[in-house]
Protein backbone atom coordinates (compact mmCIF):
# COMPACT_ATOMS: atom_id res chain seq x y z
CA MET A 1 -33.13 -4.42 23.89
CA THR A 2 -36.92 -4.40 23.56
CA SER A 3 -38.72 -1.77 21.53
CA TYR A 4 -42.36 -1.13 20.73
CA SER A 5 -43.77 0.70 17.76
CA THR A 6 -47.17 1.22 16.21
CA GLN A 7 -47.35 0.36 12.54
CA HIS A 8 -50.05 0.23 9.91
CA ALA A 9 -51.21 -3.21 9.01
CA ASP A 10 -50.01 -2.74 5.44
CA PRO A 11 -46.87 -0.74 4.69
CA LEU A 12 -47.17 2.26 2.45
CA PRO A 13 -44.73 2.57 -0.46
CA ALA A 14 -42.16 5.32 -0.54
CA THR A 15 -42.97 8.60 -2.26
CA GLY A 16 -42.53 8.33 -6.00
CA SER A 17 -42.74 4.53 -5.98
CA SER A 18 -44.61 2.75 -8.73
CA VAL A 19 -46.32 0.60 -6.09
CA PRO A 20 -49.78 1.99 -5.24
CA SER A 21 -50.63 3.16 -1.76
CA ALA A 22 -52.75 1.16 0.64
CA SER A 23 -56.49 1.52 0.64
CA PRO A 24 -58.31 3.41 3.43
CA SER A 25 -59.36 0.16 5.06
CA GLN A 26 -55.75 -0.96 5.24
CA ARG A 27 -54.57 2.31 6.69
CA ARG A 28 -57.27 1.95 9.32
CA ALA A 29 -56.02 -1.40 10.63
CA GLY A 30 -53.11 -1.23 13.05
CA TYR A 31 -51.00 -3.45 15.24
CA LYS A 32 -48.23 -3.30 17.79
CA THR A 33 -44.72 -4.44 16.99
CA MET A 34 -42.43 -5.80 19.69
CA ARG A 35 -38.77 -6.14 18.86
CA LEU A 36 -36.29 -8.14 20.97
CA ASP A 37 -32.61 -7.49 20.24
CA ILE A 38 -31.23 -9.55 23.13
CA LEU A 39 -28.77 -12.18 21.99
CA PRO A 40 -28.05 -15.31 24.06
CA ASN A 41 -24.82 -15.14 26.03
CA GLY A 42 -22.13 -17.33 24.48
CA GLU A 43 -24.62 -19.50 22.60
CA ALA A 44 -24.51 -20.18 18.90
CA PHE A 45 -27.74 -19.80 16.98
CA GLY A 46 -29.40 -23.11 16.26
CA GLN A 47 -27.44 -24.89 19.04
CA PRO A 48 -29.23 -24.18 22.33
CA SER A 49 -27.88 -25.85 25.43
CA SER A 50 -29.93 -28.49 27.17
CA ALA A 51 -30.21 -26.27 30.23
CA ALA A 52 -31.73 -23.50 28.13
CA ALA A 53 -34.43 -25.72 26.64
CA PRO A 54 -37.85 -24.68 28.01
CA ALA A 55 -39.89 -27.17 29.96
CA ARG A 56 -42.63 -28.80 27.91
CA LEU A 57 -46.15 -29.70 28.93
CA ALA A 58 -47.19 -33.30 28.97
CA ASP A 59 -49.32 -34.43 26.05
CA ARG A 60 -52.34 -34.67 28.31
CA ASP A 61 -52.02 -30.97 29.12
CA GLY A 62 -52.48 -29.92 25.48
CA LEU A 63 -55.44 -27.78 24.44
CA ASP A 64 -58.21 -29.10 22.22
CA LEU A 65 -59.21 -26.11 20.13
CA PRO A 66 -62.96 -25.57 20.14
CA PRO A 67 -64.68 -24.41 16.92
CA ASP A 68 -65.17 -20.89 18.28
CA MET A 69 -61.45 -20.50 18.93
CA LEU A 70 -60.59 -21.91 15.53
CA ARG A 71 -62.97 -19.41 13.96
CA HIS A 72 -61.38 -16.59 15.96
CA LEU A 73 -57.89 -17.61 14.88
CA TYR A 74 -59.04 -17.79 11.27
CA GLU A 75 -60.61 -14.34 11.33
CA HIS A 76 -57.68 -12.65 13.08
CA ALA A 77 -54.77 -14.41 11.44
CA TYR A 78 -51.93 -12.07 10.51
CA ASP A 79 -51.99 -13.18 6.87
CA ALA A 80 -54.95 -12.84 4.57
CA THR A 81 -56.61 -16.26 4.37
CA LEU A 82 -58.84 -17.10 1.42
CA ILE A 83 -60.68 -20.38 0.79
CA ALA A 84 -61.60 -21.02 -2.85
CA ASN A 85 -62.92 -23.91 -4.89
CA LEU A 86 -60.78 -25.60 -7.51
CA ARG A 87 -61.91 -23.02 -10.10
CA GLY A 88 -60.48 -20.18 -7.98
CA GLU A 89 -63.82 -18.76 -6.84
CA ILE A 90 -63.50 -17.40 -3.31
CA LEU A 91 -65.92 -18.96 -0.83
CA SER A 92 -64.59 -17.38 2.36
CA GLY A 93 -62.04 -14.82 3.53
CA ASN A 94 -60.89 -13.49 6.88
CA LEU A 95 -60.67 -9.89 8.05
CA ARG A 96 -57.16 -9.49 6.76
CA ALA A 97 -58.25 -10.56 3.28
CA THR A 98 -60.98 -7.93 3.35
CA GLU A 99 -58.46 -5.27 4.37
CA TYR A 100 -56.07 -6.31 1.62
CA LEU A 101 -58.38 -6.72 -1.33
CA VAL A 102 -61.63 -4.76 -1.00
CA GLY A 103 -62.94 -1.49 0.37
CA ASP A 104 -65.30 -0.64 3.20
CA GLY A 105 -68.56 -2.57 3.17
CA GLU A 106 -67.37 -4.99 0.47
CA THR A 107 -66.69 -8.71 0.67
CA VAL A 108 -64.17 -10.97 -1.01
CA VAL A 109 -66.71 -13.77 -1.38
CA GLY A 110 -67.59 -14.23 -5.05
CA LEU A 111 -64.30 -12.87 -6.38
CA ASN A 112 -61.98 -15.14 -8.33
CA MET A 113 -58.30 -15.61 -7.52
CA LEU A 114 -57.56 -15.42 -11.25
CA ASP A 115 -58.72 -11.80 -11.17
CA ILE A 116 -56.71 -11.03 -8.03
CA ILE A 117 -53.36 -12.60 -8.92
CA SER A 118 -51.84 -10.75 -11.87
CA GLY A 119 -50.96 -13.13 -14.71
CA ALA A 120 -52.89 -16.09 -13.28
CA ASP A 121 -54.95 -18.34 -15.55
CA ASP A 122 -56.65 -21.73 -15.55
CA GLY A 123 -53.33 -23.38 -16.33
CA MET A 124 -51.90 -22.05 -13.06
CA LEU A 125 -54.79 -23.56 -11.10
CA GLU A 126 -54.24 -26.88 -12.83
CA ARG A 127 -50.54 -26.86 -11.96
CA LEU A 128 -51.40 -25.98 -8.36
CA ARG A 129 -53.76 -28.95 -8.08
CA LYS A 130 -51.19 -31.36 -9.51
CA THR A 131 -48.38 -30.08 -7.32
CA LEU A 132 -50.45 -30.05 -4.14
CA ALA A 133 -51.32 -33.69 -4.68
CA THR A 134 -47.79 -34.48 -3.46
CA GLU A 135 -46.70 -31.27 -1.67
CA ARG A 136 -48.09 -29.51 1.39
CA PHE A 137 -47.63 -25.98 0.08
CA VAL A 138 -46.86 -24.08 -3.10
CA ARG A 139 -45.39 -20.63 -2.66
CA ILE A 140 -46.21 -17.88 -5.16
CA HIS A 141 -44.61 -14.45 -5.51
CA ALA A 142 -46.91 -12.22 -7.54
CA TRP A 143 -48.58 -8.83 -7.88
CA CYS A 144 -52.14 -8.78 -6.59
CA ARG A 145 -54.98 -6.45 -7.51
CA ARG A 146 -57.21 -4.66 -5.05
CA SER A 147 -60.84 -3.91 -5.89
CA SER A 148 -59.77 -0.28 -6.50
CA GLY A 149 -57.43 -1.42 -9.29
CA GLU A 150 -54.28 -0.83 -7.27
CA PHE A 151 -51.55 -3.47 -7.21
CA PHE A 152 -49.28 -4.65 -4.39
CA PRO A 153 -46.57 -7.33 -4.21
CA ALA A 154 -47.55 -10.41 -2.23
CA GLU A 155 -46.19 -13.74 -1.11
CA ILE A 156 -48.86 -16.43 -1.26
CA ALA A 157 -48.76 -19.93 0.20
CA VAL A 158 -51.34 -22.28 -1.33
CA HIS A 159 -52.58 -25.40 0.49
CA LEU A 160 -55.06 -28.04 -0.65
CA THR A 161 -57.66 -29.07 1.93
CA SER A 162 -60.82 -31.12 1.81
CA GLU A 163 -64.04 -31.63 3.70
CA GLY A 164 -65.65 -34.88 2.78
CA PRO A 165 -65.58 -35.30 -0.98
CA ALA A 166 -65.15 -31.54 -1.58
CA ARG A 167 -61.65 -30.12 -2.06
CA TYR A 168 -60.65 -26.51 -1.60
CA LEU A 169 -57.63 -24.30 -2.24
CA CYS A 170 -56.47 -22.25 0.75
CA PHE A 171 -54.50 -19.09 -0.10
CA PHE A 172 -52.43 -17.50 2.69
CA MET A 173 -51.46 -14.06 1.39
CA HIS A 174 -48.98 -11.59 2.86
CA ASP A 175 -48.29 -8.06 1.62
CA ILE A 176 -44.52 -7.74 1.06
CA THR A 177 -44.44 -4.11 -0.09
CA TRP A 178 -41.90 -3.09 2.53
CA ARG A 179 -39.77 -6.15 1.91
CA LYS A 180 -39.73 -5.64 -1.85
CA GLU A 181 -38.93 -1.94 -1.56
CA THR A 182 -36.11 -2.77 0.86
CA GLU A 183 -34.78 -5.51 -1.43
CA ASP A 184 -34.92 -3.18 -4.43
CA ARG A 185 -33.04 -0.46 -2.55
CA LEU A 186 -30.47 -2.96 -1.33
CA GLN A 187 -30.07 -4.31 -4.85
CA MET A 188 -29.52 -0.82 -6.25
CA ALA A 189 -27.06 0.00 -3.48
CA ASP A 190 -25.21 -3.27 -4.05
CA VAL A 191 -24.88 -2.62 -7.79
CA ALA A 192 -23.75 0.97 -7.16
CA ILE A 193 -21.12 -0.13 -4.63
CA ARG A 194 -19.81 -3.04 -6.71
CA THR A 195 -19.51 -0.93 -9.87
CA SER A 196 -18.20 2.23 -8.21
CA PRO A 197 -14.76 3.33 -9.47
CA SER A 198 -13.88 4.37 -5.91
CA GLY A 199 -12.81 1.80 -3.37
CA ILE A 200 -15.50 1.31 -0.71
CA ALA A 201 -14.65 -0.25 2.65
CA VAL A 202 -16.76 -0.89 5.75
CA ILE A 203 -14.82 -1.07 9.00
CA ASP A 204 -15.72 -1.65 12.63
CA LEU A 205 -14.77 0.64 15.48
CA GLU A 206 -11.39 -1.11 15.80
CA GLY A 207 -10.50 -0.36 12.18
CA THR A 208 -10.95 -3.92 10.89
CA LEU A 209 -12.43 -4.34 7.41
CA VAL A 210 -15.72 -6.23 7.32
CA TYR A 211 -16.55 -5.53 3.67
CA ASN A 212 -14.96 -4.02 0.58
CA ASN A 213 -15.93 -3.69 -3.07
CA PRO A 214 -13.85 -4.85 -6.08
CA ALA A 215 -12.48 -1.34 -6.67
CA LEU A 216 -10.71 -1.46 -3.30
CA ASP A 217 -9.06 -4.76 -4.27
CA LYS A 218 -7.88 -3.08 -7.45
CA LEU A 219 -6.59 -0.04 -5.55
CA PHE A 220 -4.45 -2.26 -3.31
CA ASP A 221 -3.56 -4.56 -6.23
CA HIS A 222 -4.99 -7.39 -4.17
CA ALA A 223 -5.63 -10.85 -5.58
CA GLY A 224 -9.12 -12.26 -5.26
CA ASP A 225 -8.02 -15.46 -3.48
CA ASN A 226 -7.39 -13.74 -0.15
CA PRO A 227 -10.06 -11.11 0.58
CA LEU A 228 -9.13 -7.85 2.25
CA ALA A 229 -11.90 -8.38 4.80
CA GLY A 230 -10.25 -9.04 8.14
CA CYS A 231 -7.32 -6.73 7.49
CA THR A 232 -6.90 -3.60 9.59
CA LEU A 233 -6.38 -0.03 8.44
CA ALA A 234 -3.00 -0.08 10.16
CA GLN A 235 -1.96 -2.83 7.72
CA LEU A 236 -3.30 -1.00 4.67
CA LEU A 237 -2.23 2.60 5.35
CA SER A 238 1.37 3.66 5.86
CA ASN A 239 0.83 6.42 8.41
CA PRO A 240 -0.40 5.11 11.81
CA ASP A 241 -1.12 8.65 13.02
CA ILE A 242 -3.64 9.15 10.21
CA VAL A 243 -5.31 5.85 11.12
CA ARG A 244 -5.66 6.88 14.78
CA HIS A 245 -6.96 10.32 13.85
CA LEU A 246 -9.47 8.84 11.40
CA LEU A 247 -10.85 6.36 13.94
CA GLN A 248 -10.96 9.02 16.65
CA THR A 249 -12.83 11.47 14.42
CA VAL A 250 -15.36 8.84 13.33
CA SER A 251 -15.90 7.60 16.91
CA GLU A 252 -16.81 11.19 17.84
CA GLY A 253 -19.55 11.13 15.20
CA ASN A 254 -17.76 13.35 12.68
CA ALA A 255 -16.75 12.80 9.07
CA TRP A 256 -13.09 12.66 8.07
CA ASN A 257 -11.35 13.60 4.83
CA GLY A 258 -7.72 13.54 3.80
CA ARG A 259 -5.05 12.01 1.61
CA VAL A 260 -3.59 8.68 2.64
CA GLU A 261 -0.74 6.53 1.37
CA CYS A 262 -1.93 3.00 0.68
CA ILE A 263 0.38 -0.01 0.89
CA ARG A 264 -0.18 -2.41 -1.98
CA GLU A 265 0.26 -6.14 -1.77
CA ASP A 266 3.58 -5.96 -3.65
CA GLY A 267 4.88 -3.26 -1.28
CA GLY A 268 4.21 -0.39 -3.68
CA ARG A 269 2.65 2.85 -2.50
CA VAL A 270 -0.25 4.79 -3.98
CA ILE A 271 -1.81 8.08 -2.86
CA ALA A 272 -5.59 8.08 -2.40
CA GLU A 273 -8.20 10.61 -1.33
CA CYS A 274 -10.11 9.17 1.63
CA ASP A 275 -13.58 10.14 2.88
CA ALA A 276 -14.88 8.45 6.03
CA ALA A 277 -18.30 8.68 7.67
CA GLY A 278 -19.91 6.85 10.57
CA ASN A 279 -21.81 3.61 10.01
CA PHE A 280 -24.91 3.25 12.19
CA ASN A 281 -27.18 0.29 12.80
CA SER A 282 -30.98 0.41 12.72
CA ASP A 283 -31.06 1.62 16.33
CA GLY A 284 -28.79 4.57 15.56
CA ASP A 285 -25.77 3.10 17.35
CA LEU A 286 -22.35 3.78 15.83
CA ILE A 287 -20.86 0.44 14.80
CA GLY A 288 -18.04 1.54 12.52
CA ALA A 289 -17.37 3.64 9.46
CA VAL A 290 -17.73 3.59 5.69
CA LEU A 291 -14.63 4.65 3.76
CA SER A 292 -14.38 5.82 0.16
CA LEU A 293 -10.88 5.83 -1.33
CA THR A 294 -10.17 7.40 -4.73
CA ASP A 295 -6.89 6.66 -6.49
CA MET A 296 -5.09 9.97 -7.04
CA THR A 297 -2.39 8.57 -9.35
CA ASP A 298 -3.90 9.78 -12.62
CA ARG A 299 -4.93 13.11 -11.12
CA LEU A 300 -1.46 13.76 -9.71
CA ARG A 301 0.14 12.70 -12.99
CA ALA A 302 -2.12 15.11 -14.90
CA ALA A 303 -1.32 17.93 -12.45
CA GLU A 304 2.40 17.26 -12.87
CA ALA A 305 2.04 17.33 -16.67
CA GLU A 306 0.18 20.64 -16.48
CA GLN A 307 2.89 22.06 -14.24
CA THR A 308 5.57 20.92 -16.68
CA ILE A 309 3.75 22.55 -19.59
CA GLU A 310 3.36 25.79 -17.64
CA ARG A 311 7.02 25.70 -16.63
CA ASN A 312 8.08 25.29 -20.25
CA ARG A 313 5.81 28.15 -21.32
CA VAL A 314 7.22 30.47 -18.69
CA MET A 315 10.76 29.38 -19.49
CA MET A 316 10.28 30.21 -23.17
CA ALA A 317 8.88 33.63 -22.25
CA SER A 318 11.86 34.22 -19.97
CA LEU A 319 14.33 33.16 -22.64
CA GLY A 320 12.73 35.62 -25.04
CA SER A 321 13.19 38.40 -22.50
CA ILE A 322 16.80 37.30 -21.90
CA CYS A 323 17.58 37.38 -25.61
CA HIS A 324 16.14 40.87 -25.80
CA HIS A 325 18.39 42.12 -23.00
CA LEU A 326 21.48 40.47 -24.48
CA GLY A 327 20.67 41.89 -27.89
CA GLN A 328 20.95 45.52 -26.79
CA PRO A 329 24.60 45.53 -25.53
CA SER A 330 25.68 43.19 -28.32
CA THR A 331 24.24 45.61 -30.90
CA VAL A 332 26.09 48.52 -29.28
CA LEU A 333 29.32 46.52 -29.20
CA LEU A 334 29.01 45.57 -32.87
CA HIS A 335 28.24 49.17 -33.85
CA CYS A 336 31.30 50.46 -31.94
CA ILE A 337 33.57 47.91 -33.62
CA GLU A 338 32.35 49.01 -37.04
CA LEU A 339 32.99 52.67 -36.18
CA LEU A 340 36.48 51.86 -34.91
CA GLN A 341 37.31 50.23 -38.22
CA ARG A 342 36.36 53.42 -40.07
CA LEU A 343 38.26 55.88 -37.89
CA GLU A 344 41.51 57.40 -39.06
CA ASP A 345 44.62 56.87 -36.98
CA GLY A 346 44.65 60.48 -35.88
CA GLU A 347 41.13 60.48 -34.33
CA THR A 348 42.39 59.48 -30.91
CA GLN A 349 39.61 61.08 -28.82
CA GLN A 350 36.76 59.44 -30.76
CA ARG A 351 38.61 56.11 -30.70
CA LYS A 352 38.88 56.34 -26.88
CA GLU A 353 35.15 57.13 -26.51
CA LEU A 354 34.20 54.19 -28.72
CA LEU A 355 36.53 51.88 -26.80
CA ASP A 356 35.01 53.01 -23.48
CA LEU A 357 31.52 52.46 -24.85
CA SER A 358 32.50 49.01 -26.16
CA LEU A 359 34.01 48.11 -22.79
CA SER A 360 30.82 49.21 -21.02
CA ALA A 361 28.68 47.10 -23.36
CA ALA A 362 30.98 44.09 -22.87
CA GLU A 363 30.80 44.46 -19.08
CA SER A 364 27.02 44.67 -19.31
CA MET A 365 26.90 41.42 -21.29
CA SER A 366 29.29 39.82 -18.80
CA ARG A 367 27.02 40.72 -15.89
CA LEU A 368 23.98 39.38 -17.74
CA LEU A 369 25.71 36.09 -18.49
CA ARG A 370 26.85 35.69 -14.88
CA GLU A 371 23.31 36.27 -13.65
CA LEU A 372 21.92 33.81 -16.18
CA ASN A 373 24.45 31.23 -15.02
CA ASP A 374 23.13 31.59 -11.46
CA LEU A 375 19.46 31.75 -12.54
CA ARG A 376 17.07 29.32 -10.82
CA THR A 377 13.77 31.11 -11.33
CA TYR A 378 11.99 31.84 -14.61
CA ARG A 379 9.45 34.63 -14.89
CA SER A 380 6.99 35.48 -17.60
CA GLU A 381 8.00 39.17 -17.68
CA ALA A 382 11.32 40.98 -18.02
CA TYR A 383 13.11 40.94 -14.70
CA LEU A 384 16.27 42.89 -15.73
CA ALA A 385 16.17 46.67 -15.35
CA ARG A 386 16.76 49.12 -18.14
CA ARG A 387 18.56 52.41 -17.82
CA GLN A 388 19.44 55.15 -20.25
CA PRO A 389 23.20 56.09 -20.38
CA ASP A 390 24.44 59.49 -21.29
CA GLY A 391 24.49 60.34 -24.99
CA ASP A 392 22.42 59.26 -27.93
CA GLN A 393 23.45 55.60 -27.73
CA ILE A 394 21.30 53.17 -25.75
CA VAL A 395 23.03 50.50 -23.78
CA ALA A 396 21.12 47.89 -21.73
CA MET A 397 22.72 47.79 -18.35
CA ALA A 398 22.15 45.04 -15.81
CA GLY A 399 22.52 45.62 -12.13
CA GLY A 400 21.30 44.05 -8.90
CA PRO A 401 19.74 47.20 -7.40
CA ASN A 402 17.82 47.99 -10.57
CA ARG A 403 16.12 44.63 -11.00
CA VAL A 404 12.42 44.88 -11.69
CA ARG A 405 10.15 43.35 -9.06
CA ALA A 406 8.97 39.96 -10.31
CA ASP A 407 5.34 39.23 -10.88
CA ALA A 408 3.50 36.26 -9.45
CA ASP A 409 3.98 34.06 -12.52
CA VAL A 410 7.09 32.19 -11.34
CA VAL A 411 8.36 28.67 -11.91
CA ASP A 412 11.35 27.56 -9.86
CA ASP A 413 13.73 24.87 -11.08
CA ASN A 414 14.15 23.64 -7.53
CA ASP A 415 10.43 22.76 -7.21
């Protein structure tokens, strides 16, 4: 695929960046960018076939560059080119150097490279001269200063040339603002992914892992000798339906979320919360998905502990209510027995009433105990009805039709 785009000659830093913005002269200069994303069919990079090698001109057909063309190439070179004496004083600079370092109507001639390259000194120039006596180039990564006082990151290649007895230092400078910002962002993203407590996985459209962070290895209890990259989601997740649904959702351009059961290397299972989103290349084409898996073991264990605590609390409240209901008929029964002991043998009618009342209280306790024996649900409020019998005595009666409607605070033993 071929694409064209118009860019500024010097990239501007992102908003909020510590790197200063380009000068007006830099923003003025522009160029066209052509991008070719066409890969050779079936050919490995660096190993072109003999048939694919382009035909070459004979040596006699080569072009002898005239001085005017050499001057044109020098002035319009993509990199800033500066020629300085051995003391670093600039004797000449091309258009790109003017755009990089000075403002409108100014010239780079007369400036010193020691003032342009941050941290440079005479010792650096001496080391450059000694190194270039045996090497073609010396590459420098440094911050450079514009005439406005702004700084920008640059990559500089230094070459030693001569004309007659005179020797000169040639500086080929390239603004790497975009590259450095991209590298910094990639470095931050890499650190964030590698240190994330959640397992991060990058998969292709077939569900094959192409990258994962250390947390994912830990989630699957995977040894470092054999990387997870190359495994498929079908091998890592127990439910194939979830895998198909995840891949289908992502392929449609949507995000996916759900709980999955992960299969560890030792055969164990662990529940994880999975979030999946599409992974797009620089052209906006969907090439796979990025998955984030969070181990739910501790969270589920904490939820189970909270449920157990709540169940115990409700059970204790229920037992208190049960004791209260059992206490009423037992008190009546005890009181009747005491009265029976005090009655004379001739008080037959009162004895019969007390015996009937005692029998009623005993039956009430029997019903309560039978219901408690069949109890499977504990409630935080009284769930046994109360009724007032005839007479001045109060007996707690239990009956199915009179049961109070339970509230919502229920814990079931079968759960």
